[in-house]
Amino acid sequence: MDVQIRTNGTKVTDGMREFIDRRMAKLDRLADQVTDAVLELKTETLRSGAETTTAQITLRTGKHVIRAEAEDPEAAKAIDMAVDKLISQVRKFTDKRTSRRRRAGKPEFVETAAPASGDLTLPEDVDFGDAPVDAFNESLVARTKSFQMDPMDVDMAIEQMELVGHDFFFFKNQADEKFSVLYRRRDGTYGVLSPE
């Protein structure tokens, strides 16, 4: 697998490049249709003066994006942990996909529409953790991403969400051409938020 490496404050030596190639080779068996593999390494100095390196690996196949991120003071350990997370995500996705195919019915999800009044009220089962209300202040936005979005069905959105490792997924629903949010409910089922 040919890995594109992007760095920000991290020096990649020949030895580190060999280490990266050796660790990424483990993914060759798991993700056989990878069209693009990117490793982003970012080293930052913390307030305490210590340095930490964040390794983010993104694999793209024809249909899926798989991403894992890890952080450690040592770049090699961060890479190692990110690869392990990615392997775990791919295995988990493969296992779920296999078990889903064995079941007779479709995966369970609940359709939830936004109220007609325009006031968005979130379902009670959406979990924001222990974050205080003011934690959702715009000044805390750490990253903004833009991406191409092809229409997909809910099953494909579930697969994509599992591969990215998030508890929600924003997608364009193939059934009605509307932008929707798929989310994981506390009971393990899925919910879909769609505008009217």
N, C-alpha and C. Protein backbone atom coordinates (compact mmCIF):
# COMPACT_ATOMS: atom_id res chain seq x y z
N MET A 1 0.85 -1.17 0.00
CA MET A 1 0.00 0.00 0.00
C MET A 1 0.89 1.24 0.00
N ASP A 2 0.64 2.14 -0.94
CA ASP A 2 1.41 3.37 -1.04
C ASP A 2 0.77 4.41 -0.13
N VAL A 3 1.54 4.86 0.85
CA VAL A 3 1.02 5.80 1.85
C VAL A 3 1.57 7.19 1.61
N GLN A 4 0.67 8.15 1.50
CA GLN A 4 1.06 9.55 1.37
C GLN A 4 1.22 10.10 2.78
N ILE A 5 2.37 10.73 3.07
CA ILE A 5 2.62 11.25 4.42
C ILE A 5 2.64 12.77 4.37
N ARG A 6 1.81 13.36 5.25
CA ARG A 6 1.78 14.83 5.39
C ARG A 6 2.22 15.15 6.80
N THR A 7 3.10 16.11 6.94
CA THR A 7 3.60 16.44 8.27
C THR A 7 3.41 17.92 8.58
N ASN A 8 3.33 18.19 9.88
CA ASN A 8 3.26 19.56 10.38
C ASN A 8 4.05 19.56 11.69
N GLY A 9 5.30 19.97 11.60
CA GLY A 9 6.15 20.02 12.79
C GLY A 9 6.81 18.68 13.13
N THR A 10 6.65 17.66 12.28
CA THR A 10 7.22 16.35 12.53
C THR A 10 8.21 16.01 11.43
N LYS A 11 9.40 15.57 11.82
CA LYS A 11 10.41 15.18 10.84
C LYS A 11 10.32 13.67 10.62
N VAL A 12 10.20 13.26 9.36
CA VAL A 12 10.11 11.84 9.02
C VAL A 12 11.47 11.39 8.48
N THR A 13 12.13 10.54 9.25
CA THR A 13 13.43 10.00 8.84
C THR A 13 13.21 8.75 7.99
N ASP A 14 14.30 8.23 7.40
CA ASP A 14 14.20 6.99 6.62
C ASP A 14 13.75 5.83 7.50
N GLY A 15 14.27 5.80 8.73
CA GLY A 15 13.88 4.73 9.66
C GLY A 15 12.40 4.80 10.00
N MET A 16 11.87 6.02 10.18
CA MET A 16 10.46 6.17 10.49
C MET A 16 9.62 5.78 9.28
N ARG A 17 10.09 6.11 8.08
CA ARG A 17 9.37 5.75 6.86
C ARG A 17 9.27 4.22 6.74
N GLU A 18 10.35 3.52 7.06
CA GLU A 18 10.34 2.05 7.04
C GLU A 18 9.35 1.51 8.07
N PHE A 19 9.35 2.12 9.26
CA PHE A 19 8.42 1.72 10.32
C PHE A 19 6.98 1.91 9.85
N ILE A 20 6.70 3.06 9.24
CA ILE A 20 5.34 3.35 8.74
C ILE A 20 4.94 2.32 7.69
N ASP A 21 5.82 2.04 6.74
CA ASP A 21 5.51 1.06 5.69
C ASP A 21 5.25 -0.32 6.29
N ARG A 22 6.05 -0.70 7.28
CA ARG A 22 5.91 -2.01 7.92
C ARG A 22 4.57 -2.11 8.66
N ARG A 23 4.20 -1.06 9.40
CA ARG A 23 2.94 -1.07 10.15
C ARG A 23 1.74 -1.00 9.20
N MET A 24 1.82 -0.19 8.16
CA MET A 24 0.71 -0.06 7.21
C MET A 24 0.52 -1.33 6.39
N ALA A 25 1.57 -2.13 6.25
CA ALA A 25 1.46 -3.40 5.51
C ALA A 25 0.44 -4.32 6.16
N LYS A 26 0.21 -4.18 7.48
CA LYS A 26 -0.80 -4.99 8.15
C LYS A 26 -2.20 -4.71 7.62
N LEU A 27 -2.39 -3.53 7.07
CA LEU A 27 -3.70 -3.15 6.55
C LEU A 27 -3.94 -3.70 5.14
N ASP A 28 -2.88 -4.13 4.46
CA ASP A 28 -3.05 -4.67 3.11
C ASP A 28 -4.02 -5.84 3.10
N ARG A 29 -3.96 -6.68 4.12
CA ARG A 29 -4.82 -7.86 4.17
C ARG A 29 -6.26 -7.48 4.51
N LEU A 30 -6.44 -6.40 5.27
CA LEU A 30 -7.78 -6.02 5.72
C LEU A 30 -8.53 -5.14 4.72
N ALA A 31 -7.85 -4.22 4.12
CA ALA A 31 -8.50 -3.28 3.19
C ALA A 31 -7.91 -3.48 1.80
N ASP A 32 -8.43 -4.46 1.09
CA ASP A 32 -7.85 -4.85 -0.18
C ASP A 32 -8.17 -3.92 -1.34
N GLN A 33 -9.11 -3.03 -1.18
CA GLN A 33 -9.46 -2.13 -2.27
C GLN A 33 -9.15 -0.67 -1.95
N VAL A 34 -8.08 -0.42 -1.23
CA VAL A 34 -7.72 0.95 -0.85
C VAL A 34 -7.24 1.71 -2.08
N THR A 35 -7.87 2.84 -2.35
CA THR A 35 -7.46 3.67 -3.49
C THR A 35 -6.55 4.82 -3.05
N ASP A 36 -6.65 5.18 -1.77
CA ASP A 36 -5.85 6.31 -1.28
C ASP A 36 -5.58 6.11 0.21
N ALA A 37 -4.33 6.27 0.61
CA ALA A 37 -3.96 6.14 2.03
C ALA A 37 -3.14 7.36 2.41
N VAL A 38 -3.59 8.09 3.45
CA VAL A 38 -2.91 9.30 3.89
C VAL A 38 -2.63 9.21 5.38
N LEU A 39 -1.40 9.49 5.76
CA LEU A 39 -1.00 9.58 7.17
C LEU A 39 -0.63 11.03 7.43
N GLU A 40 -1.33 11.65 8.37
CA GLU A 40 -1.02 13.03 8.76
C GLU A 40 -0.39 13.01 10.14
N LEU A 41 0.80 13.60 10.25
CA LEU A 41 1.51 13.69 11.52
C LEU A 41 1.63 15.16 11.90
N LYS A 42 1.18 15.48 13.11
CA LYS A 42 1.23 16.86 13.57
C LYS A 42 1.83 16.88 14.98
N THR A 43 2.91 17.61 15.15
CA THR A 43 3.55 17.74 16.45
C THR A 43 3.28 19.13 16.99
N GLU A 44 2.80 19.16 18.24
CA GLU A 44 2.47 20.43 18.88
C GLU A 44 3.15 20.50 20.25
N THR A 45 3.42 21.71 20.69
CA THR A 45 3.94 21.92 22.03
C THR A 45 2.78 22.29 22.93
N LEU A 46 2.61 21.54 24.00
CA LEU A 46 1.52 21.78 24.94
C LEU A 46 1.86 22.93 25.88
N ARG A 47 0.89 23.39 26.64
CA ARG A 47 1.14 24.48 27.59
C ARG A 47 2.20 24.11 28.61
N SER A 48 2.28 22.82 28.93
CA SER A 48 3.27 22.37 29.91
C SER A 48 4.69 22.38 29.35
N GLY A 49 4.82 22.58 28.03
CA GLY A 49 6.12 22.60 27.40
C GLY A 49 6.46 21.27 26.74
N ALA A 50 5.72 20.22 27.06
CA ALA A 50 5.96 18.91 26.45
C ALA A 50 5.40 18.88 25.03
N GLU A 51 5.99 18.06 24.19
CA GLU A 51 5.50 17.91 22.82
C GLU A 51 4.64 16.67 22.71
N THR A 52 3.65 16.74 21.86
CA THR A 52 2.81 15.58 21.57
C THR A 52 2.60 15.50 20.06
N THR A 53 2.53 14.27 19.57
CA THR A 53 2.33 14.05 18.14
C THR A 53 0.98 13.37 17.93
N THR A 54 0.21 13.89 16.98
CA THR A 54 -1.06 13.30 16.60
C THR A 54 -0.88 12.63 15.25
N ALA A 55 -1.27 11.36 15.17
CA ALA A 55 -1.21 10.61 13.91
C ALA A 55 -2.65 10.33 13.48
N GLN A 56 -3.00 10.76 12.28
CA GLN A 56 -4.33 10.48 11.73
C GLN A 56 -4.14 9.75 10.41
N ILE A 57 -4.76 8.56 10.32
CA ILE A 57 -4.67 7.76 9.11
C ILE A 57 -6.04 7.74 8.45
N THR A 58 -6.08 8.03 7.16
CA THR A 58 -7.33 8.00 6.40
C THR A 58 -7.14 7.08 5.21
N LEU A 59 -7.99 6.06 5.10
CA LEU A 59 -7.99 5.16 3.96
C LEU A 59 -9.26 5.38 3.17
N ARG A 60 -9.14 5.45 1.86
CA ARG A 60 -10.31 5.58 1.00
C ARG A 60 -10.39 4.37 0.08
N THR A 61 -11.59 3.82 -0.01
CA THR A 61 -11.85 2.77 -0.98
C THR A 61 -12.84 3.36 -1.97
N GLY A 62 -13.33 2.58 -2.88
CA GLY A 62 -14.30 3.08 -3.84
C GLY A 62 -15.53 3.65 -3.17
N LYS A 63 -15.97 3.04 -2.05
CA LYS A 63 -17.22 3.45 -1.41
C LYS A 63 -17.04 4.00 -0.01
N HIS A 64 -15.96 3.69 0.66
CA HIS A 64 -15.84 3.99 2.08
C HIS A 64 -14.63 4.86 2.40
N VAL A 65 -14.75 5.56 3.54
CA VAL A 65 -13.63 6.28 4.13
C VAL A 65 -13.45 5.72 5.53
N ILE A 66 -12.23 5.28 5.84
CA ILE A 66 -11.93 4.73 7.16
C ILE A 66 -10.87 5.63 7.78
N ARG A 67 -11.13 6.07 9.03
CA ARG A 67 -10.20 7.02 9.66
C ARG A 67 -9.96 6.64 11.11
N ALA A 68 -8.70 6.81 11.54
CA ALA A 68 -8.36 6.60 12.95
C ALA A 68 -7.32 7.64 13.34
N GLU A 69 -7.37 8.04 14.62
CA GLU A 69 -6.45 9.06 15.12
C GLU A 69 -5.96 8.66 16.50
N ALA A 70 -4.67 8.94 16.77
CA ALA A 70 -4.09 8.67 18.07
C ALA A 70 -3.06 9.74 18.39
N GLU A 71 -2.80 9.91 19.69
CA GLU A 71 -1.90 10.96 20.15
C GLU A 71 -0.93 10.38 21.17
N ASP A 72 0.35 10.75 21.07
CA ASP A 72 1.36 10.29 22.01
C ASP A 72 2.58 11.22 21.90
N PRO A 73 3.36 11.33 22.98
CA PRO A 73 4.57 12.15 22.88
C PRO A 73 5.56 11.62 21.83
N GLU A 74 5.57 10.30 21.60
CA GLU A 74 6.45 9.71 20.60
C GLU A 74 5.66 9.46 19.32
N ALA A 75 6.19 9.94 18.20
CA ALA A 75 5.49 9.80 16.92
C ALA A 75 5.25 8.34 16.56
N ALA A 76 6.24 7.48 16.80
CA ALA A 76 6.11 6.06 16.45
C ALA A 76 4.97 5.40 17.22
N LYS A 77 4.84 5.75 18.50
CA LYS A 77 3.75 5.18 19.31
C LYS A 77 2.39 5.68 18.83
N ALA A 78 2.32 6.96 18.45
CA ALA A 78 1.06 7.51 17.94
C ALA A 78 0.66 6.80 16.65
N ILE A 79 1.62 6.56 15.76
CA ILE A 79 1.36 5.84 14.51
C ILE A 79 0.89 4.43 14.82
N ASP A 80 1.60 3.77 15.73
CA ASP A 80 1.28 2.40 16.12
C ASP A 80 -0.15 2.30 16.65
N MET A 81 -0.53 3.21 17.53
CA MET A 81 -1.88 3.20 18.11
C MET A 81 -2.94 3.49 17.04
N ALA A 82 -2.66 4.42 16.11
CA ALA A 82 -3.61 4.74 15.05
C ALA A 82 -3.84 3.54 14.12
N VAL A 83 -2.76 2.83 13.80
CA VAL A 83 -2.89 1.63 12.96
C VAL A 83 -3.71 0.57 13.68
N ASP A 84 -3.44 0.37 14.97
CA ASP A 84 -4.21 -0.61 15.74
C ASP A 84 -5.70 -0.25 15.77
N LYS A 85 -6.01 1.05 15.94
CA LYS A 85 -7.41 1.50 15.94
C LYS A 85 -8.06 1.24 14.58
N LEU A 86 -7.30 1.49 13.53
CA LEU A 86 -7.83 1.29 12.18
C LEU A 86 -8.12 -0.19 11.92
N ILE A 87 -7.20 -1.05 12.33
CA ILE A 87 -7.40 -2.50 12.19
C ILE A 87 -8.65 -2.92 12.96
N SER A 88 -8.80 -2.41 14.17
CA SER A 88 -9.96 -2.74 14.99
C SER A 88 -11.26 -2.27 14.33
N GLN A 89 -11.25 -1.07 13.76
CA GLN A 89 -12.45 -0.55 13.10
C GLN A 89 -12.83 -1.40 11.89
N VAL A 90 -11.82 -1.79 11.09
CA VAL A 90 -12.10 -2.60 9.90
C VAL A 90 -12.65 -3.96 10.30
N ARG A 91 -12.06 -4.57 11.33
CA ARG A 91 -12.55 -5.87 11.79
C ARG A 91 -13.98 -5.77 12.33
N LYS A 92 -14.23 -4.72 13.12
CA LYS A 92 -15.56 -4.52 13.68
C LYS A 92 -16.59 -4.31 12.57
N PHE A 93 -16.22 -3.51 11.57
CA PHE A 93 -17.10 -3.28 10.44
C PHE A 93 -17.37 -4.57 9.67
N THR A 94 -16.33 -5.34 9.43
CA THR A 94 -16.47 -6.60 8.70
C THR A 94 -17.37 -7.56 9.47
N ASP A 95 -17.17 -7.65 10.79
CA ASP A 95 -18.00 -8.53 11.62
C ASP A 95 -19.46 -8.09 11.58
N LYS A 96 -19.72 -6.78 11.72
CA LYS A 96 -21.09 -6.27 11.70
C LYS A 96 -21.74 -6.51 10.35
N ARG A 97 -20.96 -6.31 9.30
CA ARG A 97 -21.50 -6.50 7.95
C ARG A 97 -21.88 -7.96 7.73
N THR A 98 -21.04 -8.87 8.20
CA THR A 98 -21.32 -10.30 8.08
C THR A 98 -22.56 -10.68 8.87
N SER A 99 -22.66 -10.20 10.12
CA SER A 99 -23.82 -10.55 10.94
C SER A 99 -25.09 -9.91 10.39
N ARG A 100 -24.97 -8.72 9.79
CA ARG A 100 -26.13 -8.05 9.22
C ARG A 100 -26.64 -8.83 8.01
N ARG A 101 -25.73 -9.39 7.22
CA ARG A 101 -26.13 -10.17 6.06
C ARG A 101 -26.83 -11.46 6.47
N ARG A 102 -26.44 -11.99 7.62
CA ARG A 102 -27.03 -13.24 8.08
C ARG A 102 -28.46 -13.04 8.57
N ARG A 103 -28.74 -11.84 9.10
CA ARG A 103 -30.09 -11.55 9.56
C ARG A 103 -31.03 -11.41 8.37
N ALA A 104 -32.25 -11.79 8.55
CA ALA A 104 -33.22 -11.73 7.46
C ALA A 104 -33.65 -10.31 7.16
N GLY A 105 -33.85 -9.51 8.19
CA GLY A 105 -34.36 -8.15 8.02
C GLY A 105 -33.26 -7.14 7.81
N LYS A 106 -33.68 -5.90 7.62
CA LYS A 106 -32.75 -4.79 7.47
C LYS A 106 -32.31 -4.32 8.85
N PRO A 107 -31.21 -3.54 8.94
CA PRO A 107 -30.81 -3.01 10.24
C PRO A 107 -31.88 -2.09 10.80
N GLU A 108 -31.98 -2.10 12.13
CA GLU A 108 -33.00 -1.29 12.77
C GLU A 108 -32.57 0.17 12.82
N PHE A 109 -33.46 1.05 12.41
CA PHE A 109 -33.23 2.47 12.58
C PHE A 109 -34.58 3.14 12.73
N VAL A 110 -34.56 4.32 13.29
CA VAL A 110 -35.79 5.04 13.55
C VAL A 110 -35.77 6.33 12.76
N GLU A 111 -36.80 6.59 11.99
CA GLU A 111 -36.90 7.83 11.24
C GLU A 111 -37.41 8.92 12.18
N THR A 112 -36.71 10.03 12.24
CA THR A 112 -37.11 11.15 13.07
C THR A 112 -37.06 12.40 12.22
N ALA A 113 -38.11 13.14 12.12
CA ALA A 113 -38.14 14.35 11.31
C ALA A 113 -38.10 15.57 12.20
N ALA A 114 -37.55 16.65 11.68
CA ALA A 114 -37.54 17.92 12.42
C ALA A 114 -38.96 18.44 12.50
N PRO A 115 -39.34 19.10 13.60
CA PRO A 115 -40.69 19.64 13.75
C PRO A 115 -41.02 20.65 12.65
N ALA A 116 -42.27 20.71 12.27
CA ALA A 116 -42.70 21.60 11.19
C ALA A 116 -42.51 23.07 11.56
N SER A 117 -42.51 23.39 12.84
CA SER A 117 -42.39 24.79 13.26
C SER A 117 -41.02 25.38 12.97
N GLY A 118 -40.05 24.53 12.65
CA GLY A 118 -38.70 25.01 12.38
C GLY A 118 -37.82 24.97 13.61
N ASP A 119 -38.40 24.79 14.81
CA ASP A 119 -37.61 24.67 16.02
C ASP A 119 -37.07 23.26 16.09
N LEU A 120 -35.76 23.14 16.15
CA LEU A 120 -35.16 21.82 16.21
C LEU A 120 -35.08 21.36 17.66
N THR A 121 -35.75 20.28 17.96
CA THR A 121 -35.66 19.68 19.29
C THR A 121 -35.04 18.31 19.09
N LEU A 122 -33.96 18.07 19.79
CA LEU A 122 -33.25 16.81 19.63
C LEU A 122 -33.97 15.70 20.37
N PRO A 123 -33.93 14.48 19.82
CA PRO A 123 -34.52 13.35 20.53
C PRO A 123 -33.85 13.17 21.88
N GLU A 124 -34.57 12.58 22.84
CA GLU A 124 -34.05 12.42 24.18
C GLU A 124 -32.86 11.47 24.25
N ASP A 125 -32.71 10.58 23.26
CA ASP A 125 -31.65 9.59 23.34
C ASP A 125 -30.32 10.07 22.73
N VAL A 126 -30.21 11.33 22.31
CA VAL A 126 -28.94 11.86 21.82
C VAL A 126 -28.09 12.21 23.03
N ASP A 127 -26.88 11.67 23.09
CA ASP A 127 -26.02 11.82 24.25
C ASP A 127 -24.89 12.80 23.96
N PHE A 128 -24.84 13.92 24.68
CA PHE A 128 -23.76 14.88 24.55
C PHE A 128 -22.76 14.75 25.70
N GLY A 129 -22.84 13.70 26.45
CA GLY A 129 -21.91 13.49 27.55
C GLY A 129 -22.12 14.49 28.66
N ASP A 130 -21.03 14.84 29.35
CA ASP A 130 -21.11 15.76 30.48
C ASP A 130 -20.78 17.20 30.08
N ALA A 131 -20.78 17.49 28.78
CA ALA A 131 -20.40 18.82 28.33
C ALA A 131 -21.42 19.84 28.77
N PRO A 132 -20.97 20.96 29.38
CA PRO A 132 -21.91 22.01 29.76
C PRO A 132 -22.48 22.68 28.52
N VAL A 133 -23.63 23.33 28.66
CA VAL A 133 -24.31 23.95 27.53
C VAL A 133 -23.40 24.94 26.82
N ASP A 134 -22.64 25.74 27.57
CA ASP A 134 -21.78 26.73 26.94
C ASP A 134 -20.58 26.10 26.24
N ALA A 135 -20.39 24.79 26.35
CA ALA A 135 -19.28 24.12 25.68
C ALA A 135 -19.48 24.07 24.17
N PHE A 136 -20.70 24.34 23.70
CA PHE A 136 -20.98 24.28 22.28
C PHE A 136 -20.80 25.65 21.63
N ASN A 137 -20.04 26.49 22.26
CA ASN A 137 -19.72 27.81 21.76
C ASN A 137 -18.92 27.69 20.46
N GLU A 138 -19.20 28.54 19.50
CA GLU A 138 -18.53 28.49 18.21
C GLU A 138 -17.02 28.63 18.32
N SER A 139 -16.53 29.32 19.35
CA SER A 139 -15.09 29.52 19.50
C SER A 139 -14.36 28.22 19.76
N LEU A 140 -15.06 27.15 20.11
CA LEU A 140 -14.44 25.87 20.38
C LEU A 140 -14.32 24.99 19.14
N VAL A 141 -14.75 25.47 17.99
CA VAL A 141 -14.65 24.68 16.77
C VAL A 141 -13.18 24.56 16.40
N ALA A 142 -12.67 23.33 16.45
CA ALA A 142 -11.25 23.10 16.21
C ALA A 142 -10.95 22.79 14.76
N ARG A 143 -11.93 22.28 14.02
CA ARG A 143 -11.66 21.86 12.66
C ARG A 143 -12.93 21.95 11.83
N THR A 144 -12.79 22.42 10.62
CA THR A 144 -13.90 22.47 9.67
C THR A 144 -13.47 21.73 8.42
N LYS A 145 -14.32 20.83 7.94
CA LYS A 145 -13.99 20.05 6.75
C LYS A 145 -15.05 20.22 5.68
N SER A 146 -14.61 20.25 4.43
CA SER A 146 -15.52 20.25 3.28
C SER A 146 -15.24 18.99 2.50
N PHE A 147 -16.28 18.38 1.96
CA PHE A 147 -16.08 17.14 1.24
C PHE A 147 -17.18 16.93 0.21
N GLN A 148 -16.87 16.13 -0.80
CA GLN A 148 -17.83 15.76 -1.83
C GLN A 148 -18.82 14.77 -1.24
N MET A 149 -20.10 14.95 -1.52
CA MET A 149 -21.11 14.08 -0.93
C MET A 149 -21.99 13.48 -2.02
N ASP A 150 -21.86 12.17 -2.21
CA ASP A 150 -22.71 11.46 -3.15
C ASP A 150 -23.91 10.90 -2.42
N PRO A 151 -25.08 10.86 -3.07
CA PRO A 151 -26.26 10.28 -2.42
C PRO A 151 -26.03 8.81 -2.06
N MET A 152 -26.58 8.37 -0.93
CA MET A 152 -26.45 6.98 -0.51
C MET A 152 -27.69 6.59 0.28
N ASP A 153 -27.89 5.27 0.38
CA ASP A 153 -29.03 4.81 1.17
C ASP A 153 -28.61 4.70 2.63
N VAL A 154 -29.57 4.44 3.50
CA VAL A 154 -29.31 4.41 4.93
C VAL A 154 -28.33 3.29 5.29
N ASP A 155 -28.44 2.12 4.63
CA ASP A 155 -27.52 1.02 4.90
C ASP A 155 -26.07 1.43 4.65
N MET A 156 -25.83 2.13 3.53
CA MET A 156 -24.48 2.59 3.19
C MET A 156 -24.02 3.64 4.21
N ALA A 157 -24.92 4.50 4.65
CA ALA A 157 -24.57 5.52 5.65
C ALA A 157 -24.15 4.84 6.96
N ILE A 158 -24.84 3.77 7.34
CA ILE A 158 -24.48 3.03 8.55
C ILE A 158 -23.07 2.45 8.41
N GLU A 159 -22.78 1.87 7.25
CA GLU A 159 -21.44 1.31 7.01
C GLU A 159 -20.38 2.40 7.10
N GLN A 160 -20.65 3.55 6.46
CA GLN A 160 -19.68 4.66 6.49
C GLN A 160 -19.46 5.16 7.91
N MET A 161 -20.53 5.29 8.68
CA MET A 161 -20.42 5.77 10.06
C MET A 161 -19.56 4.82 10.89
N GLU A 162 -19.77 3.52 10.71
CA GLU A 162 -18.99 2.52 11.45
C GLU A 162 -17.51 2.59 11.07
N LEU A 163 -17.23 2.79 9.78
CA LEU A 163 -15.84 2.84 9.33
C LEU A 163 -15.11 4.08 9.83
N VAL A 164 -15.81 5.18 9.90
CA VAL A 164 -15.18 6.42 10.38
C VAL A 164 -15.04 6.41 11.89
N GLY A 165 -15.88 5.59 12.56
CA GLY A 165 -15.78 5.47 14.01
C GLY A 165 -16.49 6.57 14.78
N HIS A 166 -17.47 7.20 14.17
CA HIS A 166 -18.23 8.26 14.84
C HIS A 166 -19.57 7.73 15.32
N ASP A 167 -20.25 8.52 16.13
CA ASP A 167 -21.59 8.16 16.60
C ASP A 167 -22.67 8.84 15.77
N PHE A 168 -22.27 9.59 14.75
CA PHE A 168 -23.22 10.24 13.86
C PHE A 168 -22.61 10.31 12.47
N PHE A 169 -23.45 10.53 11.47
CA PHE A 169 -22.95 10.62 10.10
C PHE A 169 -23.91 11.49 9.29
N PHE A 170 -23.38 12.51 8.63
CA PHE A 170 -24.15 13.43 7.81
C PHE A 170 -24.10 12.92 6.37
N PHE A 171 -25.26 12.75 5.72
CA PHE A 171 -25.26 12.20 4.37
C PHE A 171 -26.45 12.73 3.57
N LYS A 172 -26.37 12.55 2.25
CA LYS A 172 -27.48 12.91 1.37
C LYS A 172 -28.25 11.62 1.10
N ASN A 173 -29.50 11.58 1.58
CA ASN A 173 -30.31 10.38 1.49
C ASN A 173 -30.76 10.15 0.05
N GLN A 174 -30.43 8.99 -0.47
CA GLN A 174 -30.75 8.64 -1.84
C GLN A 174 -32.26 8.55 -2.06
N ALA A 175 -33.00 8.17 -1.02
CA ALA A 175 -34.44 7.98 -1.14
C ALA A 175 -35.20 9.27 -1.43
N ASP A 176 -34.80 10.37 -0.77
CA ASP A 176 -35.55 11.62 -0.94
C ASP A 176 -34.67 12.81 -1.33
N GLU A 177 -33.36 12.56 -1.57
CA GLU A 177 -32.42 13.61 -1.99
C GLU A 177 -32.28 14.72 -0.95
N LYS A 178 -32.59 14.43 0.32
CA LYS A 178 -32.44 15.41 1.39
C LYS A 178 -31.20 15.08 2.21
N PHE A 179 -30.61 16.12 2.80
CA PHE A 179 -29.49 15.92 3.70
C PHE A 179 -30.02 15.43 5.03
N SER A 180 -29.43 14.39 5.57
CA SER A 180 -29.90 13.77 6.81
C SER A 180 -28.73 13.48 7.72
N VAL A 181 -29.04 13.26 8.99
CA VAL A 181 -28.04 12.86 9.97
C VAL A 181 -28.43 11.51 10.54
N LEU A 182 -27.53 10.56 10.43
CA LEU A 182 -27.71 9.24 11.02
C LEU A 182 -27.00 9.28 12.36
N TYR A 183 -27.60 8.74 13.41
CA TYR A 183 -26.94 8.72 14.71
C TYR A 183 -27.18 7.40 15.41
N ARG A 184 -26.25 7.05 16.31
CA ARG A 184 -26.38 5.83 17.09
C ARG A 184 -27.14 6.14 18.37
N ARG A 185 -28.20 5.36 18.63
CA ARG A 185 -29.00 5.54 19.83
C ARG A 185 -28.37 4.75 20.97
N ARG A 186 -28.74 5.10 22.20
CA ARG A 186 -28.17 4.43 23.37
C ARG A 186 -28.46 2.94 23.40
N ASP A 187 -29.59 2.52 22.80
CA ASP A 187 -29.94 1.10 22.83
C ASP A 187 -29.28 0.31 21.70
N GLY A 188 -28.39 0.94 20.93
CA GLY A 188 -27.65 0.25 19.87
C GLY A 188 -28.29 0.32 18.50
N THR A 189 -29.52 0.84 18.42
CA THR A 189 -30.15 1.01 17.12
C THR A 189 -29.71 2.34 16.53
N TYR A 190 -30.25 2.70 15.37
CA TYR A 190 -29.87 3.93 14.70
C TYR A 190 -31.09 4.83 14.54
N GLY A 191 -30.84 6.12 14.45
CA GLY A 191 -31.89 7.08 14.19
C GLY A 191 -31.48 7.94 13.02
N VAL A 192 -32.44 8.49 12.29
CA VAL A 192 -32.16 9.37 11.16
C VAL A 192 -32.93 10.66 11.36
N LEU A 193 -32.23 11.79 11.35
CA LEU A 193 -32.85 13.11 11.43
C LEU A 193 -32.90 13.67 10.01
N SER A 194 -34.11 14.06 9.56
CA SER A 194 -34.30 14.60 8.22
C SER A 194 -35.17 15.83 8.26
N PRO A 195 -34.89 16.84 7.42
CA PRO A 195 -35.75 18.02 7.38
C PRO A 195 -37.05 17.71 6.64
N GLU A 196 -38.09 18.48 6.95
CA GLU A 196 -39.36 18.33 6.21
C GLU A 196 -39.39 19.30 5.07
